[in-house]
Amino acid sequence: QVQVVESGGGSVQTGGSLRLSCAASGGTTYAMAWFRQAPGKEREFVAAINWNSDSTKYADSVKGRFTISRDNAKKSVYLQMNSLKPEDTAVYYCAADITLRWAPPTEADSYEYWGQGTQVTVSS
């Protein structure tokens, strides 16, 4: 039983930055990830990180702009988002995987616990 809570969303102009935070509690988590979903679109992978932070994955659309990190003492994961674009506008979800895997998965179905989402809006 794991609870996941995101925070840090908001509204920013094109080129601006935001940092999202996600806190997990209630059990052991291995990989953690961020996904996002825009209106009328399917949920898509953004970034993932494994338990010891020695492996990260990013969607091509955010490489070089977003950075995922984690603090295991706080059971938290972060997403630093720079150079934001209007197409980054979406609800961002934090996800936790309680299954030990070789690499952090990029498929939503691999994550068992999800946060409620936090809105990110980028305007021009």
PDB file of N, CA and C in Angstrom:
ATOM      1  N   GLN A   1       0.836  -1.178   0.000  1.00  0.00           N
ATOM      2  CA  GLN A   1       0.000   0.000   0.000  1.00  0.00           C
ATOM      3  C   GLN A   1       0.885   1.247   0.000  1.00  0.00           C
ATOM      4  N   VAL A   2       0.823   2.003  -1.082  1.00  0.00           N
ATOM      5  CA  VAL A   2       1.643   3.191  -1.252  1.00  0.00           C
ATOM      6  C   VAL A   2       0.748   4.370  -1.596  1.00  0.00           C
ATOM      7  N   GLN A   3       1.033   5.486  -0.973  1.00  0.00           N
ATOM      8  CA  GLN A   3       0.351   6.722  -1.306  1.00  0.00           C
ATOM      9  C   GLN A   3       1.335   7.649  -2.010  1.00  0.00           C
ATOM     10  N   VAL A   4       0.875   8.320  -3.057  1.00  0.00           N
ATOM     11  CA  VAL A   4       1.710   9.186  -3.863  1.00  0.00           C
ATOM     12  C   VAL A   4       1.018  10.537  -3.993  1.00  0.00           C
ATOM     13  N   VAL A   5       1.743  11.608  -3.692  1.00  0.00           N
ATOM     14  CA  VAL A   5       1.171  12.948  -3.731  1.00  0.00           C
ATOM     15  C   VAL A   5       2.117  13.879  -4.479  1.00  0.00           C
ATOM     16  N   GLU A   6       1.590  14.543  -5.518  1.00  0.00           N
ATOM     17  CA  GLU A   6       2.375  15.503  -6.293  1.00  0.00           C
ATOM     18  C   GLU A   6       2.081  16.929  -5.839  1.00  0.00           C
ATOM     19  N   SER A   7       3.031  17.807  -6.115  1.00  0.00           N
ATOM     20  CA  SER A   7       2.835  19.221  -5.876  1.00  0.00           C
ATOM     21  C   SER A   7       3.783  20.004  -6.776  1.00  0.00           C
ATOM     22  N   GLY A   8       3.574  21.304  -6.864  1.00  0.00           N
ATOM     23  CA  GLY A   8       4.483  22.167  -7.591  1.00  0.00           C
ATOM     24  C   GLY A   8       3.999  22.633  -8.940  1.00  0.00           C
ATOM     25  N   GLY A   9       2.844  22.174  -9.371  1.00  0.00           N
ATOM     26  CA  GLY A   9       2.312  22.630 -10.633  1.00  0.00           C
ATOM     27  C   GLY A   9       1.888  24.080 -10.573  1.00  0.00           C
ATOM     28  N   GLY A  10       1.650  24.645 -11.737  1.00  0.00           N
ATOM     29  CA  GLY A  10       1.244  26.031 -11.803  1.00  0.00           C
ATOM     30  C   GLY A  10       1.232  26.524 -13.221  1.00  0.00           C
ATOM     31  N   SER A  11       1.163  27.832 -13.352  1.00  0.00           N
ATOM     32  CA  SER A  11       1.128  28.486 -14.652  1.00  0.00           C
ATOM     33  C   SER A  11       2.415  29.270 -14.866  1.00  0.00           C
ATOM     34  N   VAL A  12       2.983  29.131 -16.061  1.00  0.00           N
ATOM     35  CA  VAL A  12       4.235  29.797 -16.382  1.00  0.00           C
ATOM     36  C   VAL A  12       4.237  30.183 -17.855  1.00  0.00           C
ATOM     37  N   GLN A  13       4.993  31.193 -18.201  1.00  0.00           N
ATOM     38  CA  GLN A  13       5.114  31.605 -19.594  1.00  0.00           C
ATOM     39  C   GLN A  13       6.135  30.747 -20.330  1.00  0.00           C
ATOM     40  N   THR A  14       6.022  30.734 -21.635  1.00  0.00           N
ATOM     41  CA  THR A  14       6.977  30.007 -22.464  1.00  0.00           C
ATOM     42  C   THR A  14       8.402  30.395 -22.107  1.00  0.00           C
ATOM     43  N   GLY A  15       9.252  29.385 -21.945  1.00  0.00           N
ATOM     44  CA  GLY A  15      10.637  29.608 -21.568  1.00  0.00           C
ATOM     45  C   GLY A  15      10.893  29.586 -20.085  1.00  0.00           C
ATOM     46  N   GLY A  16       9.847  29.545 -19.294  1.00  0.00           N
ATOM     47  CA  GLY A  16       9.981  29.536 -17.861  1.00  0.00           C
ATOM     48  C   GLY A  16      10.276  28.160 -17.304  1.00  0.00           C
ATOM     49  N   SER A  17      10.325  28.079 -15.971  1.00  0.00           N
ATOM     50  CA  SER A  17      10.677  26.842 -15.291  1.00  0.00           C
ATOM     51  C   SER A  17       9.707  26.546 -14.159  1.00  0.00           C
ATOM     52  N   LEU A  18       9.561  25.272 -13.872  1.00  0.00           N
ATOM     53  CA  LEU A  18       8.809  24.791 -12.727  1.00  0.00           C
ATOM     54  C   LEU A  18       9.512  23.565 -12.181  1.00  0.00           C
ATOM     55  N   ARG A  19       9.345  23.320 -10.894  1.00  0.00           N
ATOM     56  CA  ARG A  19       9.835  22.092 -10.300  1.00  0.00           C
ATOM     57  C   ARG A  19       8.688  21.367  -9.632  1.00  0.00           C
ATOM     58  N   LEU A  20       8.428  20.159 -10.075  1.00  0.00           N
ATOM     59  CA  LEU A  20       7.398  19.329  -9.495  1.00  0.00           C
ATOM     60  C   LEU A  20       8.006  18.420  -8.435  1.00  0.00           C
ATOM     61  N   SER A  21       7.248  18.177  -7.381  1.00  0.00           N
ATOM     62  CA  SER A  21       7.675  17.289  -6.320  1.00  0.00           C
ATOM     63  C   SER A  21       6.651  16.185  -6.134  1.00  0.00           C
ATOM     64  N   CYS A  22       7.127  15.038  -5.707  1.00  0.00           N
ATOM     65  CA  CYS A  22       6.262  13.895  -5.471  1.00  0.00           C
ATOM     66  C   CYS A  22       6.753  13.171  -4.232  1.00  0.00           C
ATOM     67  N   ALA A  23       5.876  12.959  -3.281  1.00  0.00           N
ATOM     68  CA  ALA A  23       6.208  12.251  -2.055  1.00  0.00           C
ATOM     69  C   ALA A  23       5.447  10.936  -2.001  1.00  0.00           C
ATOM     70  N   ALA A  24       6.168   9.868  -1.720  1.00  0.00           N
ATOM     71  CA  ALA A  24       5.567   8.546  -1.581  1.00  0.00           C
ATOM     72  C   ALA A  24       5.646   8.100  -0.135  1.00  0.00           C
ATOM     73  N   SER A  25       4.657   7.341   0.288  1.00  0.00           N
ATOM     74  CA  SER A  25       4.648   6.818   1.650  1.00  0.00           C
ATOM     75  C   SER A  25       3.929   5.481   1.683  1.00  0.00           C
ATOM     76  N   GLY A  26       4.172   4.719   2.750  1.00  0.00           N
ATOM     77  CA  GLY A  26       3.411   3.506   2.989  1.00  0.00           C
ATOM     78  C   GLY A  26       4.065   2.205   2.567  1.00  0.00           C
ATOM     79  N   GLY A  27       5.171   2.256   1.850  1.00  0.00           N
ATOM     80  CA  GLY A  27       5.813   1.026   1.419  1.00  0.00           C
ATOM     81  C   GLY A  27       7.051   1.287   0.591  1.00  0.00           C
ATOM     82  N   THR A  28       7.706   0.211   0.197  1.00  0.00           N
ATOM     83  CA  THR A  28       8.927   0.307  -0.592  1.00  0.00           C
ATOM     84  C   THR A  28       8.602   0.586  -2.056  1.00  0.00           C
ATOM     85  N   THR A  29       9.304   1.535  -2.623  1.00  0.00           N
ATOM     86  CA  THR A  29       9.179   1.820  -4.043  1.00  0.00           C
ATOM     87  C   THR A  29      10.523   1.626  -4.720  1.00  0.00           C
ATOM     88  N   TYR A  30      10.499   1.193  -5.963  1.00  0.00           N
ATOM     89  CA  TYR A  30      11.718   1.042  -6.743  1.00  0.00           C
ATOM     90  C   TYR A  30      11.767   2.157  -7.771  1.00  0.00           C
ATOM     91  N   ALA A  31      11.423   1.888  -9.014  1.00  0.00           N
ATOM     92  CA  ALA A  31      11.387   2.967  -9.985  1.00  0.00           C
ATOM     93  C   ALA A  31      10.259   3.947  -9.679  1.00  0.00           C
ATOM     94  N   MET A  32      10.502   5.201  -9.994  1.00  0.00           N
ATOM     95  CA  MET A  32       9.464   6.214  -9.938  1.00  0.00           C
ATOM     96  C   MET A  32       9.516   7.000 -11.237  1.00  0.00           C
ATOM     97  N   ALA A  33       8.391   7.565 -11.604  1.00  0.00           N
ATOM     98  CA  ALA A  33       8.304   8.186 -12.916  1.00  0.00           C
ATOM     99  C   ALA A  33       7.298   9.316 -12.930  1.00  0.00           C
ATOM    100  N   TRP A  34       7.406  10.117 -13.970  1.00  0.00           N
ATOM    101  CA  TRP A  34       6.435  11.152 -14.270  1.00  0.00           C
ATOM    102  C   TRP A  34       5.791  10.862 -15.619  1.00  0.00           C
ATOM    103  N   PHE A  35       4.483  10.979 -15.649  1.00  0.00           N
ATOM    104  CA  PHE A  35       3.705  10.918 -16.877  1.00  0.00           C
ATOM    105  C   PHE A  35       2.885  12.187 -16.975  1.00  0.00           C
ATOM    106  N   ARG A  36       2.367  12.457 -18.155  1.00  0.00           N
ATOM    107  CA  ARG A  36       1.502  13.621 -18.314  1.00  0.00           C
ATOM    108  C   ARG A  36       0.379  13.305 -19.287  1.00  0.00           C
ATOM    109  N   GLN A  37      -0.708  14.045 -19.131  1.00  0.00           N
ATOM    110  CA  GLN A  37      -1.853  13.857 -19.997  1.00  0.00           C
ATOM    111  C   GLN A  37      -2.483  15.205 -20.308  1.00  0.00           C
ATOM    112  N   ALA A  38      -2.526  15.536 -21.581  1.00  0.00           N
ATOM    113  CA  ALA A  38      -3.162  16.751 -22.041  1.00  0.00           C
ATOM    114  C   ALA A  38      -4.600  16.446 -22.442  1.00  0.00           C
ATOM    115  N   PRO A  39      -5.472  17.452 -22.452  1.00  0.00           N
ATOM    116  CA  PRO A  39      -6.865  17.219 -22.839  1.00  0.00           C
ATOM    117  C   PRO A  39      -6.969  16.580 -24.217  1.00  0.00           C
ATOM    118  N   GLY A  40      -7.759  15.524 -24.305  1.00  0.00           N
ATOM    119  CA  GLY A  40      -7.974  14.844 -25.566  1.00  0.00           C
ATOM    120  C   GLY A  40      -6.847  13.941 -26.015  1.00  0.00           C
ATOM    121  N   LYS A  41      -5.823  13.782 -25.202  1.00  0.00           N
ATOM    122  CA  LYS A  41      -4.692  12.947 -25.565  1.00  0.00           C
ATOM    123  C   LYS A  41      -4.496  11.838 -24.535  1.00  0.00           C
ATOM    124  N   GLU A  42      -3.788  10.799 -24.961  1.00  0.00           N
ATOM    125  CA  GLU A  42      -3.484   9.707 -24.058  1.00  0.00           C
ATOM    126  C   GLU A  42      -2.370  10.100 -23.104  1.00  0.00           C
ATOM    127  N   ARG A  43      -2.336   9.423 -21.976  1.00  0.00           N
ATOM    128  CA  ARG A  43      -1.262   9.648 -21.033  1.00  0.00           C
ATOM    129  C   ARG A  43       0.066   9.229 -21.654  1.00  0.00           C
ATOM    130  N   GLU A  44       1.088  10.058 -21.501  1.00  0.00           N
ATOM    131  CA  GLU A  44       2.371   9.770 -22.107  1.00  0.00           C
ATOM    132  C   GLU A  44       3.493   9.825 -21.081  1.00  0.00           C
ATOM    133  N   PHE A  45       4.513   9.047 -21.355  1.00  0.00           N
ATOM    134  CA  PHE A  45       5.683   8.984 -20.501  1.00  0.00           C
ATOM    135  C   PHE A  45       6.491  10.264 -20.598  1.00  0.00           C
ATOM    136  N   VAL A  46       7.027  10.712 -19.466  1.00  0.00           N
ATOM    137  CA  VAL A  46       7.870  11.891 -19.430  1.00  0.00           C
ATOM    138  C   VAL A  46       9.289  11.540 -18.991  1.00  0.00           C
ATOM    139  N   ALA A  47       9.421  10.951 -17.805  1.00  0.00           N
ATOM    140  CA  ALA A  47      10.738  10.638 -17.265  1.00  0.00           C
ATOM    141  C   ALA A  47      10.605   9.577 -16.188  1.00  0.00           C
ATOM    142  N   ALA A  48      11.681   8.804 -15.981  1.00  0.00           N
ATOM    143  CA  ALA A  48      11.687   7.770 -14.955  1.00  0.00           C
ATOM    144  C   ALA A  48      13.071   7.658 -14.349  1.00  0.00           C
ATOM    145  N   ILE A  49      13.124   7.140 -13.126  1.00  0.00           N
ATOM    146  CA  ILE A  49      14.380   6.985 -12.412  1.00  0.00           C
ATOM    147  C   ILE A  49      14.324   5.724 -11.574  1.00  0.00           C
ATOM    148  N   ASN A  50      15.424   4.988 -11.508  1.00  0.00           N
ATOM    149  CA  ASN A  50      15.445   3.766 -10.726  1.00  0.00           C
ATOM    150  C   ASN A  50      15.763   4.061  -9.267  1.00  0.00           C
ATOM    151  N   TRP A  51      15.831   2.987  -8.448  1.00  0.00           N
ATOM    152  CA  TRP A  51      15.888   3.173  -6.998  1.00  0.00           C
ATOM    153  C   TRP A  51      17.149   3.861  -6.515  1.00  0.00           C
ATOM    154  N   ASN A  52      18.277   3.639  -7.164  1.00  0.00           N
ATOM    155  CA  ASN A  52      19.543   4.221  -6.711  1.00  0.00           C
ATOM    156  C   ASN A  52      20.020   5.369  -7.600  1.00  0.00           C
ATOM    157  N   SER A  53      19.159   5.845  -8.464  1.00  0.00           N
ATOM    158  CA  SER A  53      19.422   7.007  -9.314  1.00  0.00           C
ATOM    159  C   SER A  53      20.559   6.801 -10.304  1.00  0.00           C
ATOM    160  N   ASP A  54      20.926   5.558 -10.580  1.00  0.00           N
ATOM    161  CA  ASP A  54      21.984   5.314 -11.553  1.00  0.00           C
ATOM    162  C   ASP A  54      21.450   5.093 -12.959  1.00  0.00           C
ATOM    163  N   SER A  55      20.143   5.195 -13.129  1.00  0.00           N
ATOM    164  CA  SER A  55      19.547   5.047 -14.445  1.00  0.00           C
ATOM    165  C   SER A  55      18.332   5.949 -14.553  1.00  0.00           C
ATOM    166  N   THR A  56      18.305   6.746 -15.595  1.00  0.00           N
ATOM    167  CA  THR A  56      17.160   7.603 -15.869  1.00  0.00           C
ATOM    168  C   THR A  56      16.749   7.445 -17.321  1.00  0.00           C
ATOM    169  N   LYS A  57      15.492   7.723 -17.583  1.00  0.00           N
ATOM    170  CA  LYS A  57      14.974   7.698 -18.935  1.00  0.00           C
ATOM    171  C   LYS A  57      14.118   8.935 -19.154  1.00  0.00           C
ATOM    172  N   TYR A  58      14.173   9.456 -20.369  1.00  0.00           N
ATOM    173  CA  TYR A  58      13.400  10.628 -20.725  1.00  0.00           C
ATOM    174  C   TYR A  58      12.720  10.440 -22.064  1.00  0.00           C
ATOM    175  N   ALA A  59      11.540  10.998 -22.177  1.00  0.00           N
ATOM    176  CA  ALA A  59      10.911  11.089 -23.479  1.00  0.00           C
ATOM    177  C   ALA A  59      11.729  12.019 -24.363  1.00  0.00           C
ATOM    178  N   ASP A  60      11.771  11.724 -25.659  1.00  0.00           N
ATOM    179  CA  ASP A  60      12.542  12.558 -26.574  1.00  0.00           C
ATOM    180  C   ASP A  60      12.100  14.016 -26.532  1.00  0.00           C
ATOM    181  N   SER A  61      10.833  14.244 -26.286  1.00  0.00           N
ATOM    182  CA  SER A  61      10.293  15.589 -26.312  1.00  0.00           C
ATOM    183  C   SER A  61      10.785  16.469 -25.169  1.00  0.00           C
ATOM    184  N   VAL A  62      11.340  15.860 -24.115  1.00  0.00           N
ATOM    185  CA  VAL A  62      11.770  16.641 -22.958  1.00  0.00           C
ATOM    186  C   VAL A  62      13.264  16.537 -22.695  1.00  0.00           C
ATOM    187  N   LYS A  63      13.984  15.739 -23.450  1.00  0.00           N
ATOM    188  CA  LYS A  63      15.419  15.593 -23.241  1.00  0.00           C
ATOM    189  C   LYS A  63      16.124  16.939 -23.369  1.00  0.00           C
ATOM    190  N   GLY A  64      17.016  17.207 -22.432  1.00  0.00           N
ATOM    191  CA  GLY A  64      17.742  18.457 -22.427  1.00  0.00           C
ATOM    192  C   GLY A  64      17.025  19.584 -21.740  1.00  0.00           C
ATOM    193  N   ARG A  65      15.755  19.391 -21.424  1.00  0.00           N
ATOM    194  CA  ARG A  65      14.970  20.426 -20.757  1.00  0.00           C
ATOM    195  C   ARG A  65      14.511  20.014 -19.359  1.00  0.00           C
ATOM    196  N   PHE A  66      14.177  18.741 -19.197  1.00  0.00           N
ATOM    197  CA  PHE A  66      13.676  18.238 -17.922  1.00  0.00           C
ATOM    198  C   PHE A  66      14.727  17.367 -17.258  1.00  0.00           C
ATOM    199  N   THR A  67      14.748  17.379 -15.934  1.00  0.00           N
ATOM    200  CA  THR A  67      15.648  16.535 -15.169  1.00  0.00           C
ATOM    201  C   THR A  67      14.878  15.885 -14.033  1.00  0.00           C
ATOM    202  N   ILE A  68      14.963  14.560 -13.948  1.00  0.00           N
ATOM    203  CA  ILE A  68      14.329  13.837 -12.861  1.00  0.00           C
ATOM    204  C   ILE A  68      15.383  13.474 -11.818  1.00  0.00           C
ATOM    205  N   SER A  69      15.015  13.551 -10.558  1.00  0.00           N
ATOM    206  CA  SER A  69      15.912  13.187  -9.472  1.00  0.00           C
ATOM    207  C   SER A  69      15.081  12.640  -8.320  1.00  0.00           C
ATOM    208  N   ARG A  70      15.763  12.027  -7.349  1.00  0.00           N
ATOM    209  CA  ARG A  70      15.033  11.507  -6.198  1.00  0.00           C
ATOM    210  C   ARG A  70      15.866  11.605  -4.937  1.00  0.00           C
ATOM    211  N   ASP A  71      15.168  11.620  -3.824  1.00  0.00           N
ATOM    212  CA  ASP A  71      15.774  11.649  -2.508  1.00  0.00           C
ATOM    213  C   ASP A  71      15.131  10.510  -1.730  1.00  0.00           C
ATOM    214  N   ASN A  72      15.859   9.408  -1.601  1.00  0.00           N
ATOM    215  CA  ASN A  72      15.271   8.221  -0.978  1.00  0.00           C
ATOM    216  C   ASN A  72      15.018   8.403   0.519  1.00  0.00           C
ATOM    217  N   ALA A  73      15.798   9.255   1.173  1.00  0.00           N
ATOM    218  CA  ALA A  73      15.557   9.523   2.583  1.00  0.00           C
ATOM    219  C   ALA A  73      14.183  10.147   2.791  1.00  0.00           C
ATOM    220  N   LYS A  74      13.752  10.928   1.825  1.00  0.00           N
ATOM    221  CA  LYS A  74      12.436  11.564   1.887  1.00  0.00           C
ATOM    222  C   LYS A  74      11.394  10.813   1.079  1.00  0.00           C
ATOM    223  N   LYS A  75      11.814   9.747   0.411  1.00  0.00           N
ATOM    224  CA  LYS A  75      10.937   8.983  -0.475  1.00  0.00           C
ATOM    225  C   LYS A  75      10.240   9.914  -1.459  1.00  0.00           C
ATOM    226  N   SER A  76      11.033  10.801  -2.034  1.00  0.00           N
ATOM    227  CA  SER A  76      10.497  11.805  -2.938  1.00  0.00           C
ATOM    228  C   SER A  76      11.207  11.781  -4.278  1.00  0.00           C
ATOM    229  N   VAL A  77      10.491  12.206  -5.296  1.00  0.00           N
ATOM    230  CA  VAL A  77      11.046  12.348  -6.629  1.00  0.00           C
ATOM    231  C   VAL A  77      10.689  13.737  -7.135  1.00  0.00           C
ATOM    232  N   TYR A  78      11.566  14.294  -7.973  1.00  0.00           N
ATOM    233  CA  TYR A  78      11.393  15.649  -8.440  1.00  0.00           C
ATOM    234  C   TYR A  78      11.525  15.704  -9.948  1.00  0.00           C
ATOM    235  N   LEU A  79      10.886  16.671 -10.530  1.00  0.00           N
ATOM    236  CA  LEU A  79      11.020  16.917 -11.955  1.00  0.00           C
ATOM    237  C   LEU A  79      11.277  18.399 -12.160  1.00  0.00           C
ATOM    238  N   GLN A  80      12.512  18.731 -12.509  1.00  0.00           N
ATOM    239  CA  GLN A  80      12.868  20.096 -12.839  1.00  0.00           C
ATOM    240  C   GLN A  80      12.585  20.320 -14.311  1.00  0.00           C
ATOM    241  N   MET A  81      11.731  21.272 -14.608  1.00  0.00           N
ATOM    242  CA  MET A  81      11.313  21.535 -15.974  1.00  0.00           C
ATOM    243  C   MET A  81      11.776  22.927 -16.370  1.00  0.00           C
ATOM    244  N   ASN A  82      12.648  22.982 -17.353  1.00  0.00           N
ATOM    245  CA  ASN A  82      13.169  24.239 -17.864  1.00  0.00           C
ATOM    246  C   ASN A  82      12.756  24.422 -19.314  1.00  0.00           C
ATOM    247  N   SER A  83      12.872  25.651 -19.788  1.00  0.00           N
ATOM    248  CA  SER A  83      12.550  25.971 -21.178  1.00  0.00           C
ATOM    249  C   SER A  83      11.187  25.436 -21.575  1.00  0.00           C
ATOM    250  N   LEU A  84      10.214  25.691 -20.747  1.00  0.00           N
ATOM    251  CA  LEU A  84       8.888  25.140 -20.963  1.00  0.00           C
ATOM    252  C   LEU A  84       8.235  25.704 -22.224  1.00  0.00           C
ATOM    253  N   LYS A  85       7.477  24.839 -22.865  1.00  0.00           N
ATOM    254  CA  LYS A  85       6.774  25.166 -24.098  1.00  0.00           C
ATOM    255  C   LYS A  85       5.279  24.962 -23.902  1.00  0.00           C
ATOM    256  N   PRO A  86       4.448  25.627 -24.707  1.00  0.00           N
ATOM    257  CA  PRO A  86       3.004  25.410 -24.582  1.00  0.00           C
ATOM    258  C   PRO A  86       2.606  23.946 -24.703  1.00  0.00           C
ATOM    259  N   GLU A  87       3.310  23.174 -25.506  1.00  0.00           N
ATOM    260  CA  GLU A  87       2.983  21.771 -25.660  1.00  0.00           C
ATOM    261  C   GLU A  87       3.293  20.939 -24.424  1.00  0.00           C
ATOM    262  N   ASP A  88       3.952  21.527 -23.435  1.00  0.00           N
ATOM    263  CA  ASP A  88       4.161  20.855 -22.160  1.00  0.00           C
ATOM    264  C   ASP A  88       2.946  20.954 -21.249  1.00  0.00           C
ATOM    265  N   THR A  89       1.965  21.745 -21.641  1.00  0.00           N
ATOM    266  CA  THR A  89       0.761  21.906 -20.836  1.00  0.00           C
ATOM    267  C   THR A  89       0.039  20.574 -20.691  1.00  0.00           C
ATOM    268  N   ALA A  90      -0.194  20.162 -19.457  1.00  0.00           N
ATOM    269  CA  ALA A  90      -0.828  18.879 -19.181  1.00  0.00           C
ATOM    270  C   ALA A  90      -0.995  18.728 -17.684  1.00  0.00           C
ATOM    271  N   VAL A  91      -1.734  17.704 -17.305  1.00  0.00           N
ATOM    272  CA  VAL A  91      -1.730  17.258 -15.923  1.00  0.00           C
ATOM    273  C   VAL A  91      -0.579  16.274 -15.776  1.00  0.00           C
ATOM    274  N   TYR A  92       0.277  16.520 -14.819  1.00  0.00           N
ATOM    275  CA  TYR A  92       1.440  15.677 -14.597  1.00  0.00           C
ATOM    276  C   TYR A  92       1.184  14.744 -13.427  1.00  0.00           C
ATOM    277  N   TYR A  93       1.470  13.464 -13.643  1.00  0.00           N
ATOM    278  CA  TYR A  93       1.232  12.433 -12.645  1.00  0.00           C
ATOM    279  C   TYR A  93       2.539  11.789 -12.220  1.00  0.00           C
ATOM    280  N   CYS A  94       2.684  11.588 -10.944  1.00  0.00           N
ATOM    281  CA  CYS A  94       3.796  10.836 -10.394  1.00  0.00           C
ATOM    282  C   CYS A  94       3.354   9.392 -10.188  1.00  0.00           C
ATOM    283  N   ALA A  95       4.232   8.458 -10.503  1.00  0.00           N
ATOM    284  CA  ALA A  95       3.912   7.043 -10.386  1.00  0.00           C
ATOM    285  C   ALA A  95       5.033   6.297  -9.679  1.00  0.00           C
ATOM    286  N   ALA A  96       4.665   5.268  -8.937  1.00  0.00           N
ATOM    287  CA  ALA A  96       5.620   4.459  -8.193  1.00  0.00           C
ATOM    288  C   ALA A  96       5.458   2.991  -8.546  1.00  0.00           C
ATOM    289  N   ASP A  97       6.587   2.321  -8.734  1.00  0.00           N
ATOM    290  CA  ASP A  97       6.628   0.901  -9.065  1.00  0.00           C
ATOM    291  C   ASP A  97       7.155   0.147  -7.852  1.00  0.00           C
ATOM    292  N   ILE A  98       6.376  -0.785  -7.332  1.00  0.00           N
ATOM    293  CA  ILE A  98       6.808  -1.571  -6.184  1.00  0.00           C
ATOM    294  C   ILE A  98       7.408  -2.914  -6.592  1.00  0.00           C
ATOM    295  N   THR A  99       7.584  -3.124  -7.880  1.00  0.00           N
ATOM    296  CA  THR A  99       8.215  -4.329  -8.402  1.00  0.00           C
ATOM    297  C   THR A  99       9.646  -4.016  -8.805  1.00  0.00           C
ATOM    298  N   LEU A 100      10.588  -4.799  -8.294  1.00  0.00           N
ATOM    299  CA  LEU A 100      11.986  -4.599  -8.657  1.00  0.00           C
ATOM    300  C   LEU A 100      12.208  -5.055 -10.091  1.00  0.00           C
ATOM    301  N   ARG A 101      12.747  -4.153 -10.908  1.00  0.00           N
ATOM    302  CA  ARG A 101      13.012  -4.441 -12.307  1.00  0.00           C
ATOM    303  C   ARG A 101      14.443  -4.054 -12.661  1.00  0.00           C
ATOM    304  N   TRP A 102      14.889  -4.519 -13.808  1.00  0.00           N
ATOM    305  CA  TRP A 102      16.253  -4.218 -14.236  1.00  0.00           C
ATOM    306  C   TRP A 102      16.449  -2.750 -14.585  1.00  0.00           C
ATOM    307  N   ALA A 103      15.414  -2.132 -15.112  1.00  0.00           N
ATOM    308  CA  ALA A 103      15.495  -0.745 -15.524  1.00  0.00           C
ATOM    309  C   ALA A 103      14.166  -0.059 -15.231  1.00  0.00           C
ATOM    310  N   PRO A 104      14.185   1.253 -15.052  1.00  0.00           N
ATOM    311  CA  PRO A 104      12.919   1.950 -14.798  1.00  0.00           C
ATOM    312  C   PRO A 104      12.021   1.865 -16.030  1.00  0.00           C
ATOM    313  N   PRO A 105      10.824   1.366 -15.868  1.00  0.00           N
ATOM    314  CA  PRO A 105       9.949   1.208 -17.037  1.00  0.00           C
ATOM    315  C   PRO A 105       9.401   2.531 -17.539  1.00  0.00           C
ATOM    316  N   THR A 106       9.038   2.531 -18.809  1.00  0.00           N
ATOM    317  CA  THR A 106       8.438   3.702 -19.433  1.00  0.00           C
ATOM    318  C   THR A 106       6.961   3.506 -19.729  1.00  0.00           C
ATOM    319  N   GLU A 107       6.442   2.310 -19.455  1.00  0.00           N
ATOM    320  CA  GLU A 107       5.037   2.016 -19.708  1.00  0.00           C
ATOM    321  C   GLU A 107       4.216   2.274 -18.459  1.00  0.00           C
ATOM    322  N   ALA A 108       3.101   2.950 -18.629  1.00  0.00           N
ATOM    323  CA  ALA A 108       2.253   3.292 -17.494  1.00  0.00           C
ATOM    324  C   ALA A 108       1.763   2.059 -16.745  1.00  0.00           C
ATOM    325  N   ASP A 109       1.519   0.972 -17.475  1.00  0.00           N
ATOM    326  CA  ASP A 109       0.993  -0.238 -16.853  1.00  0.00           C
ATOM    327  C   ASP A 109       1.972  -0.874 -15.883  1.00  0.00           C
ATOM    328  N   SER A 110       3.236  -0.492 -15.937  1.00  0.00           N
ATOM    329  CA  SER A 110       4.236  -1.054 -15.043  1.00  0.00           C
ATOM    330  C   SER A 110       4.220  -0.419 -13.661  1.00  0.00           C
ATOM    331  N   TYR A 111       3.499   0.674 -13.514  1.00  0.00           N
ATOM    332  CA  TYR A 111       3.453   1.397 -12.255  1.00  0.00           C
ATOM    333  C   TYR A 111       2.151   1.118 -11.529  1.00  0.00           C
ATOM    334  N   GLU A 112       2.279   0.728 -10.267  1.00  0.00           N
ATOM    335  CA  GLU A 112       1.120   0.284  -9.505  1.00  0.00           C
ATOM    336  C   GLU A 112       0.396   1.398  -8.764  1.00  0.00           C
ATOM    337  N   TYR A 113       1.117   2.453  -8.412  1.00  0.00           N
ATOM    338  CA  TYR A 113       0.526   3.515  -7.608  1.00  0.00           C
ATOM    339  C   TYR A 113       0.744   4.857  -8.263  1.00  0.00           C
ATOM    340  N   TRP A 114      -0.289   5.672  -8.191  1.00  0.00           N
ATOM    341  CA  TRP A 114      -0.302   6.954  -8.874  1.00  0.00           C
ATOM    342  C   TRP A 114      -0.781   8.068  -7.971  1.00  0.00           C
ATOM    343  N   GLY A 115      -0.249   9.256  -8.201  1.00  0.00           N
ATOM    344  CA  GLY A 115      -0.742  10.425  -7.522  1.00  0.00           C
ATOM    345  C   GLY A 115      -1.971  10.979  -8.206  1.00  0.00           C
ATOM    346  N   GLN A 116      -2.502  12.044  -7.638  1.00  0.00           N
ATOM    347  CA  GLN A 116      -3.740  12.629  -8.140  1.00  0.00           C
ATOM    348  C   GLN A 116      -3.522  13.559  -9.329  1.00  0.00           C
ATOM    349  N   GLY A 117      -2.294  13.932  -9.587  1.00  0.00           N
ATOM    350  CA  GLY A 117      -1.972  14.813 -10.687  1.00  0.00           C
ATOM    351  C   GLY A 117      -1.844  16.261 -10.261  1.00  0.00           C
ATOM    352  N   THR A 118      -0.998  16.995 -10.965  1.00  0.00           N
ATOM    353  CA  THR A 118      -0.843  18.421 -10.738  1.00  0.00           C
ATOM    354  C   THR A 118      -0.799  19.124 -12.089  1.00  0.00           C
ATOM    355  N   GLN A 119      -1.534  20.208 -12.207  1.00  0.00           N
ATOM    356  CA  GLN A 119      -1.682  20.893 -13.486  1.00  0.00           C
ATOM    357  C   GLN A 119      -0.491  21.789 -13.777  1.00  0.00           C
ATOM    358  N   VAL A 120       0.029  21.664 -14.988  1.00  0.00           N
ATOM    359  CA  VAL A 120       1.065  22.556 -15.494  1.00  0.00           C
ATOM    360  C   VAL A 120       0.520  23.237 -16.737  1.00  0.00           C
ATOM    361  N   THR A 121       0.520  24.555 -16.727  1.00  0.00           N
ATOM    362  CA  THR A 121       0.032  25.327 -17.860  1.00  0.00           C
ATOM    363  C   THR A 121       1.128  26.271 -18.328  1.00  0.00           C
ATOM    364  N   VAL A 122       1.458  26.187 -19.604  1.00  0.00           N
ATOM    365  CA  VAL A 122       2.490  27.026 -20.201  1.00  0.00           C
ATOM    366  C   VAL A 122       1.829  27.888 -21.263  1.00  0.00           C
ATOM    367  N   SER A 123       1.898  29.183 -21.092  1.00  0.00           N
ATOM    368  CA  SER A 123       1.269  30.109 -22.015  1.00  0.00           C
ATOM    369  C   SER A 123       2.321  30.898 -22.782  1.00  0.00           C
ATOM    370  N   SER A 124       1.934  31.371 -23.959  1.00  0.00           N
ATOM    371  CA  SER A 124       2.827  32.160 -24.795  1.00  0.00           C
ATOM    372  C   SER A 124       2.503  33.636 -24.738  1.00  0.00           C
TER     373      SER A 124
END
